[in-house]
Amino acid sequence: MQAVEIYTSPTCGFCHAAKRLLRDKGVAFTEIDIRANPDRKPEMINRAGGRMTVPQIFIGDTHVGGCDDLFALENRGGLDPLLAGG
């Protein structure tokens, strides 16, 4: 299983939805709260190609994007293969 990282903020409903989807699939992830760790926000923006909103989700070396991108990936059947490393 690929490593999953998600940059979040505690008041972000989209962050909660993305984390819920990952948890429902039994996926362990590393959460980086940019409100508690504001020094990590420039890192997120750089990794996300300039995107400044949360969540920003990474699976392995792949930038998935935000919550809508994660759900779209799941709906088209691409999330499980990406998580598996394919």
N, C-alpha and C. Protein backbone atom coordinates (compact mmCIF):
# COMPACT_ATOMS: atom_id res chain seq x y z
N MET A 1 0.85 -1.18 0.00
CA MET A 1 0.00 0.00 0.00
C MET A 1 0.89 1.24 0.00
N GLN A 2 0.53 2.18 -0.86
CA GLN A 2 1.26 3.44 -0.96
C GLN A 2 1.04 4.28 0.30
N ALA A 3 2.01 5.11 0.64
CA ALA A 3 1.85 6.06 1.73
C ALA A 3 0.88 7.15 1.28
N VAL A 4 0.02 7.57 2.20
CA VAL A 4 -0.97 8.61 1.90
C VAL A 4 -0.74 9.76 2.87
N GLU A 5 -0.64 10.96 2.31
CA GLU A 5 -0.51 12.18 3.11
C GLU A 5 -1.63 13.12 2.72
N ILE A 6 -2.21 13.77 3.73
CA ILE A 6 -3.29 14.71 3.47
C ILE A 6 -3.07 15.96 4.32
N TYR A 7 -2.97 17.09 3.64
CA TYR A 7 -2.86 18.38 4.31
C TYR A 7 -4.28 18.85 4.62
N THR A 8 -4.51 19.25 5.86
CA THR A 8 -5.87 19.56 6.31
C THR A 8 -5.90 20.81 7.18
N SER A 9 -7.12 21.18 7.51
CA SER A 9 -7.42 22.20 8.51
C SER A 9 -8.59 21.66 9.33
N PRO A 10 -8.61 21.89 10.64
CA PRO A 10 -9.63 21.26 11.47
C PRO A 10 -11.07 21.69 11.19
N THR A 11 -11.28 22.85 10.60
CA THR A 11 -12.64 23.33 10.35
C THR A 11 -13.11 23.08 8.91
N CYS A 12 -12.34 22.34 8.14
CA CYS A 12 -12.62 22.12 6.73
C CYS A 12 -13.51 20.88 6.54
N GLY A 13 -14.73 21.10 6.09
CA GLY A 13 -15.65 20.00 5.84
C GLY A 13 -15.17 19.06 4.74
N PHE A 14 -14.53 19.61 3.72
CA PHE A 14 -13.99 18.78 2.65
C PHE A 14 -12.87 17.88 3.17
N CYS A 15 -12.08 18.40 4.11
CA CYS A 15 -11.03 17.58 4.73
C CYS A 15 -11.64 16.40 5.47
N HIS A 16 -12.70 16.67 6.22
CA HIS A 16 -13.37 15.61 6.97
C HIS A 16 -13.95 14.56 6.03
N ALA A 17 -14.53 15.00 4.92
CA ALA A 17 -15.11 14.06 3.96
C ALA A 17 -14.03 13.19 3.32
N ALA A 18 -12.90 13.79 2.96
CA ALA A 18 -11.81 13.03 2.35
C ALA A 18 -11.25 12.01 3.33
N LYS A 19 -11.06 12.43 4.57
CA LYS A 19 -10.53 11.51 5.60
C LYS A 19 -11.52 10.38 5.87
N ARG A 20 -12.82 10.70 5.85
CA ARG A 20 -13.84 9.68 6.07
C ARG A 20 -13.78 8.62 4.96
N LEU A 21 -13.65 9.06 3.70
CA LEU A 21 -13.56 8.11 2.59
C LEU A 21 -12.34 7.20 2.78
N LEU A 22 -11.21 7.78 3.11
CA LEU A 22 -10.00 6.98 3.30
C LEU A 22 -10.17 6.00 4.46
N ARG A 23 -10.73 6.48 5.57
CA ARG A 23 -10.95 5.59 6.73
C ARG A 23 -11.92 4.46 6.38
N ASP A 24 -12.99 4.78 5.66
CA ASP A 24 -13.97 3.76 5.27
C ASP A 24 -13.34 2.68 4.41
N LYS A 25 -12.30 3.04 3.67
CA LYS A 25 -11.60 2.07 2.83
C LYS A 25 -10.47 1.37 3.60
N GLY A 26 -10.30 1.73 4.88
CA GLY A 26 -9.26 1.11 5.70
C GLY A 26 -7.86 1.62 5.39
N VAL A 27 -7.77 2.82 4.84
CA VAL A 27 -6.49 3.39 4.44
C VAL A 27 -5.90 4.21 5.59
N ALA A 28 -4.69 3.87 5.98
CA ALA A 28 -3.97 4.67 6.97
C ALA A 28 -3.37 5.87 6.24
N PHE A 29 -3.36 7.01 6.89
CA PHE A 29 -2.80 8.21 6.27
C PHE A 29 -2.13 9.07 7.31
N THR A 30 -1.22 9.89 6.83
CA THR A 30 -0.56 10.89 7.66
C THR A 30 -1.27 12.21 7.42
N GLU A 31 -1.76 12.81 8.49
CA GLU A 31 -2.46 14.08 8.39
C GLU A 31 -1.52 15.21 8.81
N ILE A 32 -1.47 16.24 7.98
CA ILE A 32 -0.65 17.41 8.27
C ILE A 32 -1.61 18.59 8.41
N ASP A 33 -1.83 19.00 9.66
CA ASP A 33 -2.75 20.10 9.97
C ASP A 33 -1.99 21.41 9.76
N ILE A 34 -2.34 22.15 8.70
CA ILE A 34 -1.59 23.37 8.41
C ILE A 34 -1.97 24.53 9.33
N ARG A 35 -3.06 24.40 10.06
CA ARG A 35 -3.37 25.43 11.04
C ARG A 35 -2.47 25.26 12.26
N ALA A 36 -2.28 24.02 12.69
CA ALA A 36 -1.41 23.75 13.83
C ALA A 36 0.07 23.85 13.45
N ASN A 37 0.37 23.65 12.17
CA ASN A 37 1.75 23.69 11.67
C ASN A 37 1.83 24.63 10.47
N PRO A 38 1.66 25.93 10.67
CA PRO A 38 1.63 26.85 9.53
C PRO A 38 2.91 26.87 8.71
N ASP A 39 4.01 26.45 9.30
CA ASP A 39 5.27 26.38 8.56
C ASP A 39 5.23 25.32 7.46
N ARG A 40 4.24 24.42 7.50
CA ARG A 40 4.11 23.37 6.48
C ARG A 40 3.28 23.82 5.28
N LYS A 41 2.59 24.96 5.39
CA LYS A 41 1.74 25.42 4.29
C LYS A 41 2.54 25.70 3.02
N PRO A 42 3.68 26.40 3.07
CA PRO A 42 4.46 26.59 1.83
C PRO A 42 4.88 25.26 1.20
N GLU A 43 5.19 24.28 2.02
CA GLU A 43 5.53 22.94 1.52
C GLU A 43 4.36 22.35 0.75
N MET A 44 3.14 22.48 1.32
CA MET A 44 1.95 21.97 0.66
C MET A 44 1.73 22.66 -0.68
N ILE A 45 1.83 23.99 -0.68
CA ILE A 45 1.61 24.76 -1.91
C ILE A 45 2.62 24.35 -2.98
N ASN A 46 3.85 24.17 -2.60
CA ASN A 46 4.89 23.76 -3.54
C ASN A 46 4.60 22.36 -4.10
N ARG A 47 4.29 21.43 -3.21
CA ARG A 47 4.01 20.06 -3.64
C ARG A 47 2.77 19.98 -4.51
N ALA A 48 1.79 20.86 -4.23
CA ALA A 48 0.50 20.82 -4.93
C ALA A 48 0.49 21.70 -6.18
N GLY A 49 1.66 22.11 -6.64
CA GLY A 49 1.72 22.90 -7.86
C GLY A 49 1.04 24.25 -7.76
N GLY A 50 1.08 24.85 -6.57
CA GLY A 50 0.50 26.17 -6.38
C GLY A 50 -0.89 26.19 -5.77
N ARG A 51 -1.49 25.04 -5.63
CA ARG A 51 -2.83 25.00 -5.01
C ARG A 51 -2.71 25.33 -3.53
N MET A 52 -3.59 26.20 -3.06
CA MET A 52 -3.49 26.73 -1.70
C MET A 52 -4.59 26.25 -0.77
N THR A 53 -5.58 25.54 -1.30
CA THR A 53 -6.71 25.11 -0.48
C THR A 53 -6.47 23.73 0.10
N VAL A 54 -7.15 23.45 1.19
CA VAL A 54 -7.12 22.11 1.78
C VAL A 54 -8.45 21.44 1.51
N PRO A 55 -8.46 20.11 1.45
CA PRO A 55 -7.31 19.24 1.59
C PRO A 55 -6.48 19.17 0.32
N GLN A 56 -5.24 18.82 0.48
CA GLN A 56 -4.38 18.42 -0.64
C GLN A 56 -3.91 17.02 -0.30
N ILE A 57 -4.16 16.09 -1.21
CA ILE A 57 -3.97 14.67 -0.94
C ILE A 57 -2.89 14.12 -1.87
N PHE A 58 -1.99 13.36 -1.26
CA PHE A 58 -0.90 12.72 -1.99
C PHE A 58 -0.90 11.23 -1.70
N ILE A 59 -0.82 10.43 -2.74
CA ILE A 59 -0.72 8.98 -2.60
C ILE A 59 0.58 8.58 -3.27
N GLY A 60 1.51 8.12 -2.46
CA GLY A 60 2.85 7.87 -2.98
C GLY A 60 3.41 9.17 -3.51
N ASP A 61 3.89 9.17 -4.73
CA ASP A 61 4.42 10.37 -5.36
C ASP A 61 3.38 11.12 -6.18
N THR A 62 2.14 10.65 -6.15
CA THR A 62 1.08 11.24 -6.97
C THR A 62 0.28 12.26 -6.18
N HIS A 63 0.16 13.45 -6.74
CA HIS A 63 -0.72 14.47 -6.16
C HIS A 63 -2.12 14.22 -6.70
N VAL A 64 -3.01 13.76 -5.82
CA VAL A 64 -4.39 13.48 -6.22
C VAL A 64 -5.16 14.77 -6.39
N GLY A 65 -4.92 15.73 -5.50
CA GLY A 65 -5.65 16.99 -5.52
C GLY A 65 -6.45 17.14 -4.25
N GLY A 66 -7.65 17.70 -4.39
CA GLY A 66 -8.51 17.94 -3.25
C GLY A 66 -9.56 16.86 -3.07
N CYS A 67 -10.55 17.18 -2.26
CA CYS A 67 -11.61 16.22 -1.92
C CYS A 67 -12.38 15.79 -3.17
N ASP A 68 -12.79 16.74 -3.99
CA ASP A 68 -13.54 16.39 -5.21
C ASP A 68 -12.72 15.48 -6.11
N ASP A 69 -11.42 15.76 -6.20
CA ASP A 69 -10.54 14.93 -7.02
C ASP A 69 -10.45 13.51 -6.47
N LEU A 70 -10.38 13.39 -5.15
CA LEU A 70 -10.31 12.07 -4.51
C LEU A 70 -11.58 11.28 -4.78
N PHE A 71 -12.75 11.91 -4.62
CA PHE A 71 -14.01 11.21 -4.86
C PHE A 71 -14.17 10.86 -6.34
N ALA A 72 -13.72 11.73 -7.24
CA ALA A 72 -13.79 11.43 -8.67
C ALA A 72 -12.91 10.23 -9.00
N LEU A 73 -11.73 10.19 -8.40
CA LEU A 73 -10.83 9.05 -8.61
C LEU A 73 -11.47 7.76 -8.12
N GLU A 74 -12.11 7.82 -6.97
CA GLU A 74 -12.81 6.64 -6.43
C GLU A 74 -13.95 6.23 -7.35
N ASN A 75 -14.74 7.19 -7.82
CA ASN A 75 -15.91 6.89 -8.66
C ASN A 75 -15.55 6.28 -10.00
N ARG A 76 -14.37 6.61 -10.52
CA ARG A 76 -13.98 6.02 -11.81
C ARG A 76 -13.11 4.77 -11.63
N GLY A 77 -12.99 4.30 -10.37
CA GLY A 77 -12.29 3.05 -10.11
C GLY A 77 -10.78 3.17 -10.06
N GLY A 78 -10.26 4.37 -9.93
CA GLY A 78 -8.82 4.55 -9.93
C GLY A 78 -8.15 4.62 -8.58
N LEU A 79 -8.94 4.77 -7.52
CA LEU A 79 -8.32 4.94 -6.20
C LEU A 79 -7.65 3.67 -5.70
N ASP A 80 -8.33 2.56 -5.75
CA ASP A 80 -7.76 1.30 -5.24
C ASP A 80 -6.46 0.92 -5.96
N PRO A 81 -6.42 0.99 -7.31
CA PRO A 81 -5.15 0.68 -7.98
C PRO A 81 -4.01 1.65 -7.59
N LEU A 82 -4.34 2.92 -7.42
CA LEU A 82 -3.32 3.89 -7.03
C LEU A 82 -2.80 3.57 -5.63
N LEU A 83 -3.71 3.26 -4.73
CA LEU A 83 -3.32 2.90 -3.36
C LEU A 83 -2.42 1.65 -3.36
N ALA A 84 -2.72 0.73 -4.25
CA ALA A 84 -1.96 -0.52 -4.33
C ALA A 84 -0.60 -0.35 -5.00
N GLY A 85 -0.40 0.84 -5.59
CA GLY A 85 0.88 1.10 -6.22
C GLY A 85 0.89 0.92 -7.72
N GLY A 86 -0.28 0.77 -8.29
CA GLY A 86 -0.36 0.55 -9.73
C GLY A 86 -0.70 1.76 -10.52
